[in-house]
């Protein structure tokens, strides 16, 4: 059996950031929400589709992306992907062949926010 090398993935040329929203003690007895980076892997990125929708009474375009990264078991659908200047909400994160080699993340811009109110 040959060992598959993960060193050279020419298609994984995009650096993405995976972020998670956490509650942080502000030192005054309250908590604030803050995006924290949990991973910054190299990814293969592919734009899948685009559509328009009305969210919060604002008409906006929605883009859908697929990212393929090395296997990780800690990615949640509550997390976000930052791809360049674009914030995307993760809608699914699945192992395509069940061998824990790759993780395919589907994410879109629908309602994605970088700030926390």
C-alpha atoms as a PDB file:
ATOM      1  CA  UNK A   1       0.000   0.000   0.000  1.00  0.00           C
ATOM      2  CA  UNK A   2       1.396   3.386  -0.930  1.00  0.00           C
ATOM      3  CA  UNK A   3       1.209   6.264   1.445  1.00  0.00           C
ATOM      4  CA  UNK A   4      -0.606   9.322   0.143  1.00  0.00           C
ATOM      5  CA  UNK A   5       1.504  12.450   0.427  1.00  0.00           C
ATOM      6  CA  UNK A   6      -0.156  15.587   1.765  1.00  0.00           C
ATOM      7  CA  UNK A   7       2.869  17.785   1.158  1.00  0.00           C
ATOM      8  CA  UNK A   8       2.095  18.880  -2.376  1.00  0.00           C
ATOM      9  CA  UNK A   9      -1.482  19.989  -2.961  1.00  0.00           C
ATOM     10  CA  UNK A  10      -1.218  22.513  -5.787  1.00  0.00           C
ATOM     11  CA  UNK A  11      -4.954  23.220  -5.724  1.00  0.00           C
ATOM     12  CA  UNK A  12      -4.873  24.103  -2.025  1.00  0.00           C
ATOM     13  CA  UNK A  13      -3.405  27.504  -2.658  1.00  0.00           C
ATOM     14  CA  UNK A  14      -5.852  29.683  -0.725  1.00  0.00           C
ATOM     15  CA  UNK A  15      -5.268  30.525   2.921  1.00  0.00           C
ATOM     16  CA  UNK A  16      -8.565  30.657   4.798  1.00  0.00           C
ATOM     17  CA  UNK A  17      -9.367  31.401   8.416  1.00  0.00           C
ATOM     18  CA  UNK A  18     -11.931  29.421  10.397  1.00  0.00           C
ATOM     19  CA  UNK A  19     -13.426  31.450  13.232  1.00  0.00           C
ATOM     20  CA  UNK A  20     -15.715  30.670  16.169  1.00  0.00           C
ATOM     21  CA  UNK A  21     -17.914  33.071  18.126  1.00  0.00           C
ATOM     22  CA  UNK A  22     -17.174  32.862  21.853  1.00  0.00           C
ATOM     23  CA  UNK A  23     -18.299  34.709  24.953  1.00  0.00           C
ATOM     24  CA  UNK A  24     -15.481  36.649  26.643  1.00  0.00           C
ATOM     25  CA  UNK A  25     -15.571  38.072  30.168  1.00  0.00           C
ATOM     26  CA  UNK A  26     -15.174  41.843  29.882  1.00  0.00           C
ATOM     27  CA  UNK A  27     -13.889  42.182  33.467  1.00  0.00           C
ATOM     28  CA  UNK A  28     -16.921  44.193  34.558  1.00  0.00           C
ATOM     29  CA  UNK A  29     -19.230  41.290  35.302  1.00  0.00           C
ATOM     30  CA  UNK A  30     -20.612  41.010  31.776  1.00  0.00           C
ATOM     31  CA  UNK A  31     -19.706  39.066  28.662  1.00  0.00           C
ATOM     32  CA  UNK A  32     -19.104  40.178  25.111  1.00  0.00           C
ATOM     33  CA  UNK A  33     -19.086  38.099  21.939  1.00  0.00           C
ATOM     34  CA  UNK A  34     -15.893  37.880  19.938  1.00  0.00           C
ATOM     35  CA  UNK A  35     -14.726  35.984  16.826  1.00  0.00           C
ATOM     36  CA  UNK A  36     -11.673  33.844  17.602  1.00  0.00           C
ATOM     37  CA  UNK A  37      -9.515  32.087  15.005  1.00  0.00           C
ATOM     38  CA  UNK A  38      -9.482  28.327  15.550  1.00  0.00           C
ATOM     39  CA  UNK A  39      -7.610  27.338  12.369  1.00  0.00           C
ATOM     40  CA  UNK A  40      -5.911  28.864   9.335  1.00  0.00           C
ATOM     41  CA  UNK A  41      -5.545  26.003   6.825  1.00  0.00           C
ATOM     42  CA  UNK A  42      -4.649  26.006   3.146  1.00  0.00           C
ATOM     43  CA  UNK A  43      -7.712  25.225   1.067  1.00  0.00           C
ATOM     44  CA  UNK A  44      -8.934  24.482  -2.405  1.00  0.00           C
ATOM     45  CA  UNK A  45     -11.641  27.099  -2.984  1.00  0.00           C
ATOM     46  CA  UNK A  46     -14.429  26.977  -5.543  1.00  0.00           C
ATOM     47  CA  UNK A  47     -17.310  29.362  -6.033  1.00  0.00           C
ATOM     48  CA  UNK A  48     -20.465  27.301  -6.534  1.00  0.00           C
ATOM     49  CA  UNK A  49     -23.325  29.671  -7.180  1.00  0.00           C
ATOM     50  CA  UNK A  50     -24.842  33.020  -6.479  1.00  0.00           C
ATOM     51  CA  UNK A  51     -28.356  34.207  -5.836  1.00  0.00           C
ATOM     52  CA  UNK A  52     -30.216  37.141  -4.400  1.00  0.00           C
ATOM     53  CA  UNK A  53     -32.291  37.203  -1.242  1.00  0.00           C
ATOM     54  CA  UNK A  54     -33.914  39.634   1.134  1.00  0.00           C
ATOM     55  CA  UNK A  55     -32.430  39.317   4.609  1.00  0.00           C
ATOM     56  CA  UNK A  56     -33.412  41.704   7.412  1.00  0.00           C
ATOM     57  CA  UNK A  57     -35.364  43.718   4.825  1.00  0.00           C
ATOM     58  CA  UNK A  58     -32.198  44.317   2.786  1.00  0.00           C
ATOM     59  CA  UNK A  59     -31.826  42.950  -0.744  1.00  0.00           C
ATOM     60  CA  UNK A  60     -28.398  41.360  -1.105  1.00  0.00           C
ATOM     61  CA  UNK A  61     -26.475  38.881  -3.195  1.00  0.00           C
ATOM     62  CA  UNK A  62     -25.533  35.534  -1.680  1.00  0.00           C
ATOM     63  CA  UNK A  63     -22.455  33.623  -2.779  1.00  0.00           C
ATOM     64  CA  UNK A  64     -21.850  29.931  -2.034  1.00  0.00           C
ATOM     65  CA  UNK A  65     -18.331  28.457  -1.823  1.00  0.00           C
ATOM     66  CA  UNK A  66     -16.867  24.985  -1.378  1.00  0.00           C
ATOM     67  CA  UNK A  67     -13.556  24.614   0.463  1.00  0.00           C
ATOM     68  CA  UNK A  68     -11.515  21.413   0.686  1.00  0.00           C
ATOM     69  CA  UNK A  69      -8.984  21.234   3.514  1.00  0.00           C
ATOM     70  CA  UNK A  70      -7.090  18.500   5.344  1.00  0.00           C
ATOM     71  CA  UNK A  71      -9.242  16.553   7.788  1.00  0.00           C
ATOM     72  CA  UNK A  72     -10.230  18.247  11.037  1.00  0.00           C
ATOM     73  CA  UNK A  73     -12.889  17.011  13.404  1.00  0.00           C
ATOM     74  CA  UNK A  74     -13.519  20.268  15.243  1.00  0.00           C
ATOM     75  CA  UNK A  75     -15.362  22.362  12.624  1.00  0.00           C
ATOM     76  CA  UNK A  76     -18.958  23.295  13.503  1.00  0.00           C
ATOM     77  CA  UNK A  77     -21.809  24.715  11.434  1.00  0.00           C
ATOM     78  CA  UNK A  78     -21.847  27.659  13.870  1.00  0.00           C
ATOM     79  CA  UNK A  79     -18.330  28.632  12.705  1.00  0.00           C
ATOM     80  CA  UNK A  80     -17.367  31.062   9.949  1.00  0.00           C
ATOM     81  CA  UNK A  81     -14.823  31.004   7.150  1.00  0.00           C
ATOM     82  CA  UNK A  82     -12.967  34.200   6.306  1.00  0.00           C
ATOM     83  CA  UNK A  83     -11.855  34.007   2.678  1.00  0.00           C
ATOM     84  CA  UNK A  84      -9.936  37.154   1.824  1.00  0.00           C
ATOM     85  CA  UNK A  85     -12.295  39.973   2.834  1.00  0.00           C
ATOM     86  CA  UNK A  86     -15.400  37.766   2.621  1.00  0.00           C
ATOM     87  CA  UNK A  87     -17.088  36.332   5.723  1.00  0.00           C
ATOM     88  CA  UNK A  88     -19.031  33.122   5.119  1.00  0.00           C
ATOM     89  CA  UNK A  89     -21.264  31.044   7.392  1.00  0.00           C
ATOM     90  CA  UNK A  90     -20.491  27.315   7.348  1.00  0.00           C
ATOM     91  CA  UNK A  91     -23.562  25.327   6.314  1.00  0.00           C
ATOM     92  CA  UNK A  92     -21.898  21.897   6.245  1.00  0.00           C
ATOM     93  CA  UNK A  93     -18.556  20.244   6.942  1.00  0.00           C
ATOM     94  CA  UNK A  94     -18.295  16.640   5.749  1.00  0.00           C
ATOM     95  CA  UNK A  95     -15.729  13.936   5.159  1.00  0.00           C
ATOM     96  CA  UNK A  96     -16.376  13.038   1.483  1.00  0.00           C
ATOM     97  CA  UNK A  97     -15.081   9.441   1.573  1.00  0.00           C
ATOM     98  CA  UNK A  98     -15.114   8.591   5.295  1.00  0.00           C
ATOM     99  CA  UNK A  99     -11.335   8.116   5.416  1.00  0.00           C
ATOM    100  CA  UNK A 100     -10.555  11.296   7.384  1.00  0.00           C
ATOM    101  CA  UNK A 101      -8.204  12.612   4.726  1.00  0.00           C
ATOM    102  CA  UNK A 102     -10.177  15.619   3.552  1.00  0.00           C
ATOM    103  CA  UNK A 103     -12.912  17.853   4.890  1.00  0.00           C
ATOM    104  CA  UNK A 104     -15.299  19.578   2.478  1.00  0.00           C
ATOM    105  CA  UNK A 105     -16.823  22.771   3.842  1.00  0.00           C
ATOM    106  CA  UNK A 106     -19.804  24.449   2.184  1.00  0.00           C
ATOM    107  CA  UNK A 107     -20.267  28.069   3.254  1.00  0.00           C
ATOM    108  CA  UNK A 108     -22.302  31.049   2.090  1.00  0.00           C
ATOM    109  CA  UNK A 109     -22.555  34.775   2.674  1.00  0.00           C
ATOM    110  CA  UNK A 110     -26.218  34.718   3.747  1.00  0.00           C
ATOM    111  CA  UNK A 111     -26.355  36.792   6.933  1.00  0.00           C
ATOM    112  CA  UNK A 112     -22.609  36.450   7.606  1.00  0.00           C
ATOM    113  CA  UNK A 113     -21.342  39.116   9.979  1.00  0.00           C
ATOM    114  CA  UNK A 114     -17.891  40.080  11.096  1.00  0.00           C
ATOM    115  CA  UNK A 115     -19.074  42.319  13.902  1.00  0.00           C
ATOM    116  CA  UNK A 116     -20.987  41.316  16.980  1.00  0.00           C
ATOM    117  CA  UNK A 117     -23.575  43.616  18.483  1.00  0.00           C
END
